[in-house]
Each structure stands twice: as structure tokens, then as C-alpha cells.
Amino acid sequence: MSFQPTATLEALRLRAELLRVVRRFFDARGYFEVETPLLSRDAVVDPHLECFEVPGGGLSGESLYLQTSPEFCMKRLLAAGATAIYQLGKVFRKGERGSRHNPEFTMLEWYRVGDTYLEQMTLVEALVATVFAAAGAASLPATRVTYRDAFIRHTGLDVVTLSTAELVEAVRGLGITTPETMSADDRDGWLNLLLGERVEPRLGRTGPEFLCDYPASQAAIARVRPTQGGQPAVAERFELYVNGIELCNGYTELTDPEELRRRMQVESARRVGEGLPPLAPQNRLLEAMERGLPDSAGVALGFDRLVMVAGGFGSLDEVLAFPIERA
């Protein structure tokens, strides 16, 4: 019957306990919990995420957006002097639904001034081990693999050295079904397709595994490490996988306002090309960077997925009281 929750009460009790565990974990390490708006004038910059728009939601009748992440507001707090903060709250992503997705979900996000993505990988490993132990599940030490090495290991392709045309030919040669809308010059699109079909399902199968050092073109709002010793520039970014399931995304934060403005312009042009409204040329994160955003690192973790994996459940619906169909 549609009024009933999809999760059992036992699963919801576990969820409640793991919320307490997470808060104790961060409180003990000097972070403090913050709350930021769900509605904002600022829209996400990431090309793979789409906001829910709330027309007329502003005081002057302008549109506001349900946030896909508290990232912008939390970084504004860093610019205002906060040094170690975390947040547990709802976020919204349009068009995402499946066994591992719900348009409304709970995000755990945190930032610490002075850290890089390397220190944050260590913290994530400790957090996952703590949550797994609280759920009565075993957690092995995490391993780390670079984006480049993961593709070599699981596809036999050194994608960094391939031209886009060679990459397209290689993907098609593997028999991977490609969307009809896929452009032949969309390099990152082909990389993401190959990643999803051949690499991600094999990650974290013998214990938590970090995929790190992404191509510079996939930096989102991460800092890019320039070319060193013949190695290509990479985004100082990581994702954690357990049993082929992505749990979080973290990076050393971009602090250069001019680089953020450039990335916004690129994303805005892409949106216009797809018939979507452009991004506003200015936002409050850009203003915070212009005033001075300190060197820092942050992580966004899907709390529902963490509960699902730690508790041994097969889908998000088993750890949500009321997913979108019953909301």
C-alpha cells in the first residue's frame, strides 16, 4: 500500500544510529555542524548535475534553485573564517532515479582549511571504518588507484595517451552501447561511458578503493595540478567505491576566482548549446573567492548510499522511509 514506508523500522533505526555516529565522528575531530539554505539564487556549475528550479521563489519574484549540494554556501563560510565544518541535510538533483538514486537525498558534506585531498582520503577511510563497525560490518583498509591506472587495469587502455578519435574507436570496439546523442568530439562523455561500463563496476570489490587524479577536464571545482615530470595535468580529486558503488567525491578546492569564472563560462556555453538557460555571470561563491577563499579540501558523501552499503541493503529504497514515488 502506498502510505507505507519502503524501509523497515529496523532499517530506519539503523539509519538513526548511523546519523549519531557520523555526528560524533566529526565533533570529536574539531568540526562543527552548520546549516545552509536549500533554496538559493546560485545554480550548480557541474555539467552532470541539474537543479530543480522554483519559479517565483525569491522575494522579488525571481527563480531560486533547490541545491544539488551545500558546497557554495559552505565555502562562503570558509571565506568568512570557518576552519572545519560539516553538514548533514537534504539535497536535490533533477532526473536522478534508480536503485542508487532518488531526486531528494541526504548529503554529508564537510571542509577543513589547510587540508588537501590526500588528508581527506585518510579521513574518509576512518569515517567508513567507523560507520561500518557501528553497523556490524567489516571494513578492510582502503586502497588507492589513479584514474589512468584504473583504466589500464580494467580495460587495457591508456586513455591519457589516446586521441579522442582513438578513444571512440576503442569504446565501440568493446561493444559498449552508445547513446545516439553522443558527440564524436565529446571526450569526457566517452571517458565517462567507458568508466561506467568497464571500470566503476570493478572498483572496491575487495575493500574500499579510492579512484583519484582525474583528468584536468573533469575538475568540477577542484584544483588542477599542473604537468609534472612528463605526467599530464590532473584534478586533485577522488571518489570512493565499495563493491562498485560510488560513495563520495572529494577534492582540493579551487581558490582562483579567474579560473572559476573561466569554468563557469565554459559550462554556460555548453548549456546554451543544449538549449538550456545560461549560468549567471556572477554568483556568491565567485564573490567569496574574490575576497579570499583559504586553501582547503572538502568531501561530499551520499549518506543514504553509505547506510545502504554498511547495512548490506540492495537499494536506496530499503533505507529511505518514502522515496519519490511515495513522497
C-alpha atoms as a PDB file:
ATOM      1  CA  MET A   1       0.000   0.000   0.000  1.00  0.00           C
ATOM      2  CA  SER A   2       1.346   3.405  -0.959  1.00  0.00           C
ATOM      3  CA  PHE A   3       1.102   5.002   2.510  1.00  0.00           C
ATOM      4  CA  GLN A   4       3.634   2.556   3.942  1.00  0.00           C
ATOM      5  CA  PRO A   5       7.393   3.221   4.060  1.00  0.00           C
ATOM      6  CA  THR A   6       9.677   1.269   1.766  1.00  0.00           C
ATOM      7  CA  ALA A   7      12.231   0.840   4.581  1.00  0.00           C
ATOM      8  CA  THR A   8      11.591  -1.368   7.577  1.00  0.00           C
ATOM      9  CA  LEU A   9      11.557   0.194  11.026  1.00  0.00           C
ATOM     10  CA  GLU A  10      14.721  -1.775  11.809  1.00  0.00           C
ATOM     11  CA  ALA A  11      16.457  -0.162   8.826  1.00  0.00           C
ATOM     12  CA  LEU A  12      15.286   3.279   9.931  1.00  0.00           C
ATOM     13  CA  ARG A  13      16.590   2.634  13.455  1.00  0.00           C
ATOM     14  CA  LEU A  14      19.980   1.720  11.960  1.00  0.00           C
ATOM     15  CA  ARG A  15      19.865   4.888   9.892  1.00  0.00           C
ATOM     16  CA  ALA A  16      19.195   6.962  13.008  1.00  0.00           C
ATOM     17  CA  GLU A  17      22.094   5.328  14.850  1.00  0.00           C
ATOM     18  CA  LEU A  18      24.470   5.960  11.949  1.00  0.00           C
ATOM     19  CA  LEU A  19      23.444   9.627  11.886  1.00  0.00           C
ATOM     20  CA  ARG A  20      24.505   9.812  15.545  1.00  0.00           C
ATOM     21  CA  VAL A  21      27.772   8.003  14.755  1.00  0.00           C
ATOM     22  CA  VAL A  22      28.623  10.448  11.960  1.00  0.00           C
ATOM     23  CA  ARG A  23      27.988  13.483  14.130  1.00  0.00           C
ATOM     24  CA  ARG A  24      30.116  12.085  16.952  1.00  0.00           C
ATOM     25  CA  PHE A  25      32.908  11.323  14.452  1.00  0.00           C
ATOM     26  CA  PHE A  26      33.140  14.908  13.199  1.00  0.00           C
ATOM     27  CA  ASP A  27      32.505  16.541  16.564  1.00  0.00           C
ATOM     28  CA  ALA A  28      35.423  14.575  18.026  1.00  0.00           C
ATOM     29  CA  ARG A  29      37.729  15.903  15.278  1.00  0.00           C
ATOM     30  CA  GLY A  30      37.029  19.578  15.821  1.00  0.00           C
ATOM     31  CA  TYR A  31      34.421  20.129  13.102  1.00  0.00           C
ATOM     32  CA  PHE A  32      31.172  21.902  13.899  1.00  0.00           C
ATOM     33  CA  GLU A  33      27.827  21.308  12.212  1.00  0.00           C
ATOM     34  CA  VAL A  34      26.292  24.037  10.053  1.00  0.00           C
ATOM     35  CA  GLU A  35      23.042  24.525   8.174  1.00  0.00           C
ATOM     36  CA  THR A  36      22.803  26.394   4.873  1.00  0.00           C
ATOM     37  CA  PRO A  37      19.840  27.236   2.600  1.00  0.00           C
ATOM     38  CA  LEU A  38      18.144  24.638   0.438  1.00  0.00           C
ATOM     39  CA  LEU A  39      16.918  27.418  -1.854  1.00  0.00           C
ATOM     40  CA  SER A  40      19.464  29.739  -3.461  1.00  0.00           C
ATOM     41  CA  ARG A  41      19.854  32.101  -6.401  1.00  0.00           C
ATOM     42  CA  ASP A  42      23.015  30.222  -7.360  1.00  0.00           C
ATOM     43  CA  ALA A  43      22.872  27.174  -9.617  1.00  0.00           C
ATOM     44  CA  VAL A  44      25.362  24.328  -9.813  1.00  0.00           C
ATOM     45  CA  VAL A  45      28.382  24.619 -12.126  1.00  0.00           C
ATOM     46  CA  ASP A  46      28.920  20.848 -12.593  1.00  0.00           C
ATOM     47  CA  PRO A  47      27.784  19.868 -16.132  1.00  0.00           C
ATOM     48  CA  HIS A  48      26.480  16.486 -14.978  1.00  0.00           C
ATOM     49  CA  LEU A  49      24.004  17.850 -12.417  1.00  0.00           C
ATOM     50  CA  GLU A  50      20.683  19.582 -12.975  1.00  0.00           C
ATOM     51  CA  CYS A  51      18.834  21.698 -10.418  1.00  0.00           C
ATOM     52  CA  PHE A  52      15.134  21.867  -9.680  1.00  0.00           C
ATOM     53  CA  GLU A  53      14.067  25.428 -10.447  1.00  0.00           C
ATOM     54  CA  VAL A  54      11.486  27.117  -8.193  1.00  0.00           C
ATOM     55  CA  PRO A  55       9.931  29.900 -10.322  1.00  0.00           C
ATOM     56  CA  GLY A  56       8.997  32.979  -8.338  1.00  0.00           C
ATOM     57  CA  GLY A  57      10.669  31.633  -5.213  1.00  0.00           C
ATOM     58  CA  GLY A  58      12.629  34.821  -4.485  1.00  0.00           C
ATOM     59  CA  LEU A  59      11.344  37.859  -2.646  1.00  0.00           C
ATOM     60  CA  SER A  60      11.307  39.824  -5.904  1.00  0.00           C
ATOM     61  CA  GLY A  61       9.695  37.017  -7.867  1.00  0.00           C
ATOM     62  CA  GLU A  62      12.929  35.683  -9.334  1.00  0.00           C
ATOM     63  CA  SER A  63      13.609  31.975  -9.683  1.00  0.00           C
ATOM     64  CA  LEU A  64      15.508  30.130  -6.991  1.00  0.00           C
ATOM     65  CA  TYR A  65      17.098  26.683  -7.168  1.00  0.00           C
ATOM     66  CA  LEU A  66      16.944  23.694  -4.863  1.00  0.00           C
ATOM     67  CA  GLN A  67      20.574  22.952  -4.103  1.00  0.00           C
ATOM     68  CA  THR A  68      22.309  19.878  -5.502  1.00  0.00           C
ATOM     69  CA  SER A  69      24.935  20.283  -2.748  1.00  0.00           C
ATOM     70  CA  PRO A  70      25.602  22.766   0.062  1.00  0.00           C
ATOM     71  CA  GLU A  71      29.037  23.403  -1.492  1.00  0.00           C
ATOM     72  CA  PHE A  72      28.629  27.056  -2.454  1.00  0.00           C
ATOM     73  CA  CYS A  73      27.278  28.198   0.916  1.00  0.00           C
ATOM     74  CA  MET A  74      29.756  26.121   2.916  1.00  0.00           C
ATOM     75  CA  LYS A  75      32.683  27.615   1.011  1.00  0.00           C
ATOM     76  CA  ARG A  76      31.273  31.062   1.739  1.00  0.00           C
ATOM     77  CA  LEU A  77      31.511  30.124   5.424  1.00  0.00           C
ATOM     78  CA  LEU A  78      35.175  29.187   4.899  1.00  0.00           C
ATOM     79  CA  ALA A  79      35.763  32.593   3.326  1.00  0.00           C
ATOM     80  CA  ALA A  80      34.089  34.125   6.401  1.00  0.00           C
ATOM     81  CA  GLY A  81      36.587  32.410   8.731  1.00  0.00           C
ATOM     82  CA  ALA A  82      35.259  28.915   9.464  1.00  0.00           C
ATOM     83  CA  THR A  83      38.057  26.315   9.511  1.00  0.00           C
ATOM     84  CA  ALA A  84      36.370  22.900   9.907  1.00  0.00           C
ATOM     85  CA  ILE A  85      32.642  22.425   9.199  1.00  0.00           C
ATOM     86  CA  TYR A  86      30.232  19.655   8.239  1.00  0.00           C
ATOM     87  CA  GLN A  87      26.596  19.428   7.227  1.00  0.00           C
ATOM     88  CA  LEU A  88      24.009  16.637   7.122  1.00  0.00           C
ATOM     89  CA  GLY A  89      20.969  17.592   5.121  1.00  0.00           C
ATOM     90  CA  LYS A  90      18.735  17.163   2.113  1.00  0.00           C
ATOM     91  CA  VAL A  91      19.825  17.999  -1.422  1.00  0.00           C
ATOM     92  CA  PHE A  92      18.015  17.661  -4.754  1.00  0.00           C
ATOM     93  CA  ARG A  93      19.053  16.515  -8.215  1.00  0.00           C
ATOM     94  CA  LYS A  94      16.611  16.585 -11.086  1.00  0.00           C
ATOM     95  CA  GLY A  95      16.127  13.482 -13.211  1.00  0.00           C
ATOM     96  CA  GLU A  96      18.043  11.074 -10.962  1.00  0.00           C
ATOM     97  CA  ARG A  97      16.100   7.939 -10.018  1.00  0.00           C
ATOM     98  CA  GLY A  98      17.132   4.299  -9.730  1.00  0.00           C
ATOM     99  CA  SER A  99      18.227   1.691  -7.215  1.00  0.00           C
ATOM    100  CA  ARG A 100      21.066   4.018  -6.141  1.00  0.00           C
ATOM    101  CA  HIS A 101      19.403   7.378  -6.852  1.00  0.00           C
ATOM    102  CA  ASN A 102      16.470   9.395  -5.540  1.00  0.00           C
ATOM    103  CA  PRO A 103      15.845  13.028  -6.583  1.00  0.00           C
ATOM    104  CA  GLU A 104      15.816  14.029  -2.890  1.00  0.00           C
ATOM    105  CA  PHE A 105      18.547  12.517  -0.739  1.00  0.00           C
ATOM    106  CA  THR A 106      20.721  13.141   2.291  1.00  0.00           C
ATOM    107  CA  MET A 107      24.189  14.559   1.752  1.00  0.00           C
ATOM    108  CA  LEU A 108      27.035  14.581   4.246  1.00  0.00           C
ATOM    109  CA  GLU A 109      29.472  17.303   3.241  1.00  0.00           C
ATOM    110  CA  TRP A 110      32.496  18.711   5.051  1.00  0.00           C
ATOM    111  CA  TYR A 111      35.508  21.025   4.623  1.00  0.00           C
ATOM    112  CA  ARG A 112      38.731  21.684   6.500  1.00  0.00           C
ATOM    113  CA  VAL A 113      41.090  24.584   5.917  1.00  0.00           C
ATOM    114  CA  GLY A 114      44.718  23.540   5.342  1.00  0.00           C
ATOM    115  CA  ASP A 115      43.929  20.030   4.094  1.00  0.00           C
ATOM    116  CA  THR A 116      44.464  18.645   0.603  1.00  0.00           C
ATOM    117  CA  TYR A 117      42.600  15.770  -0.984  1.00  0.00           C
ATOM    118  CA  LEU A 118      45.280  13.423   0.403  1.00  0.00           C
ATOM    119  CA  GLU A 119      44.429  14.171   4.044  1.00  0.00           C
ATOM    120  CA  GLN A 120      40.746  13.922   3.238  1.00  0.00           C
ATOM    121  CA  MET A 121      41.128  10.443   1.747  1.00  0.00           C
ATOM    122  CA  THR A 122      42.599   9.353   5.074  1.00  0.00           C
ATOM    123  CA  LEU A 123      39.662  10.904   6.928  1.00  0.00           C
ATOM    124  CA  VAL A 124      37.122   9.240   4.630  1.00  0.00           C
ATOM    125  CA  GLU A 125      38.732   5.866   5.244  1.00  0.00           C
ATOM    126  CA  ALA A 126      38.430   6.366   9.020  1.00  0.00           C
ATOM    127  CA  LEU A 127      34.805   7.502   8.688  1.00  0.00           C
ATOM    128  CA  VAL A 128      33.789   4.499   6.600  1.00  0.00           C
ATOM    129  CA  ALA A 129      35.506   2.098   9.006  1.00  0.00           C
ATOM    130  CA  THR A 130      33.690   3.732  11.935  1.00  0.00           C
ATOM    131  CA  VAL A 131      30.275   3.583  10.262  1.00  0.00           C
ATOM    132  CA  PHE A 132      30.760   0.011   9.096  1.00  0.00           C
ATOM    133  CA  ALA A 133      31.750  -1.057  12.616  1.00  0.00           C
ATOM    134  CA  ALA A 134      28.631   0.607  14.048  1.00  0.00           C
ATOM    135  CA  ALA A 135      26.517  -1.305  11.525  1.00  0.00           C
ATOM    136  CA  GLY A 136      28.208  -4.582  12.432  1.00  0.00           C
ATOM    137  CA  ALA A 137      30.005  -4.866   9.091  1.00  0.00           C
ATOM    138  CA  ALA A 138      33.688  -5.470   8.399  1.00  0.00           C
ATOM    139  CA  SER A 139      35.728  -2.798   6.619  1.00  0.00           C
ATOM    140  CA  LEU A 140      39.146  -3.520   5.144  1.00  0.00           C
ATOM    141  CA  PRO A 141      41.852  -0.869   4.695  1.00  0.00           C
ATOM    142  CA  ALA A 142      41.251   1.285   1.621  1.00  0.00           C
ATOM    143  CA  THR A 143      43.454   1.177  -1.460  1.00  0.00           C
ATOM    144  CA  ARG A 144      44.170   3.975  -3.946  1.00  0.00           C
ATOM    145  CA  VAL A 145      44.393   3.839  -7.738  1.00  0.00           C
ATOM    146  CA  THR A 146      44.824   6.701 -10.171  1.00  0.00           C
ATOM    147  CA  TYR A 147      42.249   7.282 -12.890  1.00  0.00           C
ATOM    148  CA  ARG A 148      44.849   6.448 -15.521  1.00  0.00           C
ATOM    149  CA  ASP A 149      45.984   3.202 -13.868  1.00  0.00           C
ATOM    150  CA  ALA A 150      42.400   2.078 -13.245  1.00  0.00           C
ATOM    151  CA  PHE A 151      41.618   2.279 -16.959  1.00  0.00           C
ATOM    152  CA  ILE A 152      44.786   0.397 -17.840  1.00  0.00           C
ATOM    153  CA  ARG A 153      43.993  -2.295 -15.255  1.00  0.00           C
ATOM    154  CA  HIS A 154      40.346  -2.823 -16.190  1.00  0.00           C
ATOM    155  CA  THR A 155      40.244  -2.009 -19.912  1.00  0.00           C
ATOM    156  CA  GLY A 156      43.829  -2.393 -21.091  1.00  0.00           C
ATOM    157  CA  LEU A 157      43.671   1.166 -22.463  1.00  0.00           C
ATOM    158  CA  ASP A 158      45.965   4.027 -21.515  1.00  0.00           C
ATOM    159  CA  VAL A 159      43.243   6.580 -22.187  1.00  0.00           C
ATOM    160  CA  VAL A 160      45.507   9.517 -21.371  1.00  0.00           C
ATOM    161  CA  THR A 161      47.605   8.841 -24.480  1.00  0.00           C
ATOM    162  CA  LEU A 162      44.677   8.189 -26.851  1.00  0.00           C
ATOM    163  CA  SER A 163      43.291  10.839 -29.140  1.00  0.00           C
ATOM    164  CA  THR A 164      39.535  11.371 -28.908  1.00  0.00           C
ATOM    165  CA  ALA A 165      39.044   9.521 -32.204  1.00  0.00           C
ATOM    166  CA  GLU A 166      41.106   6.578 -30.936  1.00  0.00           C
ATOM    167  CA  LEU A 167      39.115   6.574 -27.697  1.00  0.00           C
ATOM    168  CA  VAL A 168      35.804   6.477 -29.583  1.00  0.00           C
ATOM    169  CA  GLU A 169      37.062   3.613 -31.743  1.00  0.00           C
ATOM    170  CA  ALA A 170      38.231   1.698 -28.655  1.00  0.00           C
ATOM    171  CA  VAL A 171      34.890   2.112 -26.862  1.00  0.00           C
ATOM    172  CA  ARG A 172      32.948   0.949 -29.894  1.00  0.00           C
ATOM    173  CA  GLY A 173      35.374  -1.951 -30.319  1.00  0.00           C
ATOM    174  CA  LEU A 174      34.459  -3.153 -26.825  1.00  0.00           C
ATOM    175  CA  GLY A 175      30.832  -3.491 -27.915  1.00  0.00           C
ATOM    176  CA  ILE A 176      29.568  -0.874 -25.491  1.00  0.00           C
ATOM    177  CA  THR A 177      26.168   0.520 -26.435  1.00  0.00           C
ATOM    178  CA  THR A 178      26.495   4.244 -27.069  1.00  0.00           C
ATOM    179  CA  PRO A 179      23.689   6.825 -26.840  1.00  0.00           C
ATOM    180  CA  GLU A 180      22.606   8.207 -30.210  1.00  0.00           C
ATOM    181  CA  THR A 181      23.134  11.717 -28.876  1.00  0.00           C
ATOM    182  CA  MET A 182      26.816  11.090 -28.056  1.00  0.00           C
ATOM    183  CA  SER A 183      29.017  13.529 -29.947  1.00  0.00           C
ATOM    184  CA  ALA A 184      32.185  12.144 -31.541  1.00  0.00           C
ATOM    185  CA  ASP A 185      34.226  15.014 -30.084  1.00  0.00           C
ATOM    186  CA  ASP A 186      32.862  14.772 -26.519  1.00  0.00           C
ATOM    187  CA  ARG A 187      35.998  13.275 -24.991  1.00  0.00           C
ATOM    188  CA  ASP A 188      34.802  13.384 -21.400  1.00  0.00           C
ATOM    189  CA  GLY A 189      31.491  11.866 -22.422  1.00  0.00           C
ATOM    190  CA  TRP A 190      33.289   8.862 -23.933  1.00  0.00           C
ATOM    191  CA  LEU A 191      35.558   8.568 -20.912  1.00  0.00           C
ATOM    192  CA  ASN A 192      32.536   8.607 -18.584  1.00  0.00           C
ATOM    193  CA  LEU A 193      30.800   5.967 -20.684  1.00  0.00           C
ATOM    194  CA  LEU A 194      33.840   3.697 -20.536  1.00  0.00           C
ATOM    195  CA  LEU A 195      34.257   4.400 -16.828  1.00  0.00           C
ATOM    196  CA  GLY A 196      30.654   3.479 -16.057  1.00  0.00           C
ATOM    197  CA  GLU A 197      30.602   0.348 -18.205  1.00  0.00           C
ATOM    198  CA  ARG A 198      34.020  -1.181 -17.620  1.00  0.00           C
ATOM    199  CA  VAL A 199      35.798   0.444 -14.674  1.00  0.00           C
ATOM    200  CA  GLU A 200      33.380   1.505 -11.922  1.00  0.00           C
ATOM    201  CA  PRO A 201      31.681  -1.909 -11.545  1.00  0.00           C
ATOM    202  CA  ARG A 202      35.104  -3.437 -10.762  1.00  0.00           C
ATOM    203  CA  LEU A 203      36.200  -0.872  -8.164  1.00  0.00           C
ATOM    204  CA  GLY A 204      36.137  -1.599  -4.442  1.00  0.00           C
ATOM    205  CA  ARG A 205      35.413  -5.291  -4.810  1.00  0.00           C
ATOM    206  CA  THR A 206      37.961  -6.453  -2.228  1.00  0.00           C
ATOM    207  CA  GLY A 207      37.647  -3.440   0.069  1.00  0.00           C
ATOM    208  CA  PRO A 208      37.131   0.336  -0.183  1.00  0.00           C
ATOM    209  CA  GLU A 209      39.025   1.792  -3.140  1.00  0.00           C
ATOM    210  CA  PHE A 210      39.792   5.411  -3.981  1.00  0.00           C
ATOM    211  CA  LEU A 211      39.854   6.452  -7.624  1.00  0.00           C
ATOM    212  CA  CYS A 212      41.975   9.615  -7.748  1.00  0.00           C
ATOM    213  CA  ASP A 213      43.781  12.122 -10.002  1.00  0.00           C
ATOM    214  CA  TYR A 214      41.074  12.678 -12.602  1.00  0.00           C
ATOM    215  CA  PRO A 215      41.698  14.341 -15.985  1.00  0.00           C
ATOM    216  CA  ALA A 216      42.022  18.106 -15.680  1.00  0.00           C
ATOM    217  CA  SER A 217      38.928  18.475 -17.882  1.00  0.00           C
ATOM    218  CA  GLN A 218      36.870  16.771 -15.154  1.00  0.00           C
ATOM    219  CA  ALA A 219      37.953  19.010 -12.312  1.00  0.00           C
ATOM    220  CA  ALA A 220      34.489  20.455 -11.464  1.00  0.00           C
ATOM    221  CA  ILE A 221      35.619  22.983  -8.808  1.00  0.00           C
ATOM    222  CA  ALA A 222      38.783  21.103  -7.851  1.00  0.00           C
ATOM    223  CA  ARG A 223      42.338  22.426  -8.036  1.00  0.00           C
ATOM    224  CA  VAL A 224      44.318  21.196 -11.049  1.00  0.00           C
ATOM    225  CA  ARG A 225      47.904  20.051 -10.504  1.00  0.00           C
ATOM    226  CA  PRO A 226      49.999  21.232 -13.467  1.00  0.00           C
ATOM    227  CA  THR A 227      52.020  18.915 -15.692  1.00  0.00           C
ATOM    228  CA  GLN A 228      54.955  17.458 -13.743  1.00  0.00           C
ATOM    229  CA  GLY A 229      57.847  15.300 -14.958  1.00  0.00           C
ATOM    230  CA  GLY A 230      56.102  14.477 -18.203  1.00  0.00           C
ATOM    231  CA  GLN A 231      52.889  13.483 -16.402  1.00  0.00           C
ATOM    232  CA  PRO A 232      49.725  15.232 -17.613  1.00  0.00           C
ATOM    233  CA  ALA A 233      47.901  17.809 -15.510  1.00  0.00           C
ATOM    234  CA  VAL A 234      45.322  16.189 -13.231  1.00  0.00           C
ATOM    235  CA  ALA A 235      42.491  17.321 -10.991  1.00  0.00           C
ATOM    236  CA  GLU A 236      43.274  16.743  -7.306  1.00  0.00           C
ATOM    237  CA  ARG A 237      40.027  14.851  -6.936  1.00  0.00           C
ATOM    238  CA  PHE A 238      38.932  11.419  -5.691  1.00  0.00           C
ATOM    239  CA  GLU A 239      35.887   9.193  -5.443  1.00  0.00           C
ATOM    240  CA  LEU A 240      35.479   6.244  -3.073  1.00  0.00           C
ATOM    241  CA  TYR A 241      33.989   2.953  -4.239  1.00  0.00           C
ATOM    242  CA  VAL A 242      32.749  -0.029  -2.263  1.00  0.00           C
ATOM    243  CA  ASN A 243      31.503  -3.053  -4.239  1.00  0.00           C
ATOM    244  CA  GLY A 244      31.334  -0.970  -7.397  1.00  0.00           C
ATOM    245  CA  ILE A 245      29.201   1.718  -5.720  1.00  0.00           C
ATOM    246  CA  GLU A 246      30.415   5.311  -5.562  1.00  0.00           C
ATOM    247  CA  LEU A 247      30.042   6.752  -2.060  1.00  0.00           C
ATOM    248  CA  CYS A 248      31.695  10.156  -2.197  1.00  0.00           C
ATOM    249  CA  ASN A 249      33.517  12.777  -4.205  1.00  0.00           C
ATOM    250  CA  GLY A 250      36.270  14.930  -2.717  1.00  0.00           C
ATOM    251  CA  TYR A 251      38.950  17.333  -3.827  1.00  0.00           C
ATOM    252  CA  THR A 252      41.462  20.010  -3.040  1.00  0.00           C
ATOM    253  CA  GLU A 253      39.406  23.138  -3.537  1.00  0.00           C
ATOM    254  CA  LEU A 254      39.861  25.614  -6.353  1.00  0.00           C
ATOM    255  CA  THR A 255      40.593  29.057  -4.865  1.00  0.00           C
ATOM    256  CA  ASP A 256      41.352  31.065  -8.036  1.00  0.00           C
ATOM    257  CA  PRO A 257      38.350  33.261  -8.958  1.00  0.00           C
ATOM    258  CA  GLU A 258      39.541  33.806 -12.526  1.00  0.00           C
ATOM    259  CA  GLU A 259      39.726  30.059 -13.111  1.00  0.00           C
ATOM    260  CA  LEU A 260      36.248  29.592 -11.635  1.00  0.00           C
ATOM    261  CA  ARG A 261      34.943  32.357 -13.919  1.00  0.00           C
ATOM    262  CA  ARG A 262      36.513  30.599 -16.917  1.00  0.00           C
ATOM    263  CA  ARG A 263      34.936  27.255 -15.982  1.00  0.00           C
ATOM    264  CA  MET A 264      31.564  28.942 -15.491  1.00  0.00           C
ATOM    265  CA  GLN A 265      31.813  30.473 -18.962  1.00  0.00           C
ATOM    266  CA  VAL A 266      32.589  27.065 -20.491  1.00  0.00           C
ATOM    267  CA  GLU A 267      29.663  25.442 -18.681  1.00  0.00           C
ATOM    268  CA  SER A 268      27.340  28.312 -19.566  1.00  0.00           C
ATOM    269  CA  ALA A 269      28.228  27.982 -23.260  1.00  0.00           C
ATOM    270  CA  ARG A 270      27.566  24.235 -23.078  1.00  0.00           C
ATOM    271  CA  ARG A 271      24.138  24.846 -21.533  1.00  0.00           C
ATOM    272  CA  VAL A 272      23.204  27.367 -24.210  1.00  0.00           C
ATOM    273  CA  GLY A 273      24.298  24.888 -26.880  1.00  0.00           C
ATOM    274  CA  GLU A 274      21.882  22.352 -25.403  1.00  0.00           C
ATOM    275  CA  GLY A 275      19.008  24.800 -25.285  1.00  0.00           C
ATOM    276  CA  LEU A 276      19.271  25.450 -21.529  1.00  0.00           C
ATOM    277  CA  PRO A 277      19.413  28.835 -19.783  1.00  0.00           C
ATOM    278  CA  PRO A 278      22.957  30.172 -19.303  1.00  0.00           C
ATOM    279  CA  LEU A 279      24.560  30.423 -15.889  1.00  0.00           C
ATOM    280  CA  ALA A 280      24.516  33.829 -14.246  1.00  0.00           C
ATOM    281  CA  PRO A 281      27.904  35.510 -14.846  1.00  0.00           C
ATOM    282  CA  GLN A 282      28.318  36.164 -11.114  1.00  0.00           C
ATOM    283  CA  ASN A 283      27.488  34.128  -8.021  1.00  0.00           C
ATOM    284  CA  ARG A 284      28.229  34.348  -4.327  1.00  0.00           C
ATOM    285  CA  LEU A 285      30.892  31.626  -4.442  1.00  0.00           C
ATOM    286  CA  LEU A 286      32.780  33.667  -7.025  1.00  0.00           C
ATOM    287  CA  GLU A 287      32.436  36.721  -4.785  1.00  0.00           C
ATOM    288  CA  ALA A 288      33.793  34.696  -1.833  1.00  0.00           C
ATOM    289  CA  MET A 289      36.791  33.606  -3.910  1.00  0.00           C
ATOM    290  CA  GLU A 290      37.453  37.185  -4.932  1.00  0.00           C
ATOM    291  CA  ARG A 291      37.502  38.172  -1.244  1.00  0.00           C
ATOM    292  CA  GLY A 292      39.803  35.233  -0.426  1.00  0.00           C
ATOM    293  CA  LEU A 293      38.931  31.543  -0.079  1.00  0.00           C
ATOM    294  CA  PRO A 294      41.556  29.740   2.045  1.00  0.00           C
ATOM    295  CA  ASP A 295      43.377  26.640   0.861  1.00  0.00           C
ATOM    296  CA  SER A 296      41.176  23.733   1.881  1.00  0.00           C
ATOM    297  CA  ALA A 297      39.737  20.379   0.905  1.00  0.00           C
ATOM    298  CA  GLY A 298      36.204  19.038   1.072  1.00  0.00           C
ATOM    299  CA  VAL A 299      34.133  15.921   0.517  1.00  0.00           C
ATOM    300  CA  ALA A 300      30.513  15.263  -0.441  1.00  0.00           C
ATOM    301  CA  LEU A 301      29.226  11.832   0.605  1.00  0.00           C
ATOM    302  CA  GLY A 302      25.842  10.258  -0.113  1.00  0.00           C
ATOM    303  CA  PHE A 303      24.648   9.288   3.349  1.00  0.00           C
ATOM    304  CA  ASP A 304      21.823   7.072   2.046  1.00  0.00           C
ATOM    305  CA  ARG A 305      24.295   5.042  -0.010  1.00  0.00           C
ATOM    306  CA  LEU A 306      26.611   4.721   2.979  1.00  0.00           C
ATOM    307  CA  VAL A 307      23.766   3.293   5.077  1.00  0.00           C
ATOM    308  CA  MET A 308      22.781   1.002   2.205  1.00  0.00           C
ATOM    309  CA  VAL A 309      26.290  -0.417   1.799  1.00  0.00           C
ATOM    310  CA  ALA A 310      27.133  -0.625   5.523  1.00  0.00           C
ATOM    311  CA  GLY A 311      23.825  -2.319   6.291  1.00  0.00           C
ATOM    312  CA  GLY A 312      24.022  -4.774   3.401  1.00  0.00           C
ATOM    313  CA  PHE A 313      20.882  -3.482   1.665  1.00  0.00           C
ATOM    314  CA  GLY A 314      20.287  -3.823  -2.056  1.00  0.00           C
ATOM    315  CA  SER A 315      18.778  -0.444  -2.897  1.00  0.00           C
ATOM    316  CA  LEU A 316      18.247   3.053  -1.543  1.00  0.00           C
ATOM    317  CA  ASP A 317      14.532   2.379  -1.132  1.00  0.00           C
ATOM    318  CA  GLU A 318      15.417  -0.019   1.688  1.00  0.00           C
ATOM    319  CA  VAL A 319      16.955   2.803   3.754  1.00  0.00           C
ATOM    320  CA  LEU A 320      14.534   5.619   2.817  1.00  0.00           C
ATOM    321  CA  ALA A 321      11.186   5.979   4.526  1.00  0.00           C
ATOM    322  CA  PHE A 322       9.458   7.468   1.499  1.00  0.00           C
ATOM    323  CA  PRO A 323      11.278   7.688  -1.858  1.00  0.00           C
ATOM    324  CA  ILE A 324       9.924   9.941  -4.630  1.00  0.00           C
ATOM    325  CA  GLU A 325       7.039   7.656  -5.636  1.00  0.00           C
ATOM    326  CA  ARG A 326       5.659   7.739  -2.060  1.00  0.00           C
ATOM    327  CA  ALA A 327       6.638  11.280  -1.115  1.00  0.00           C
END
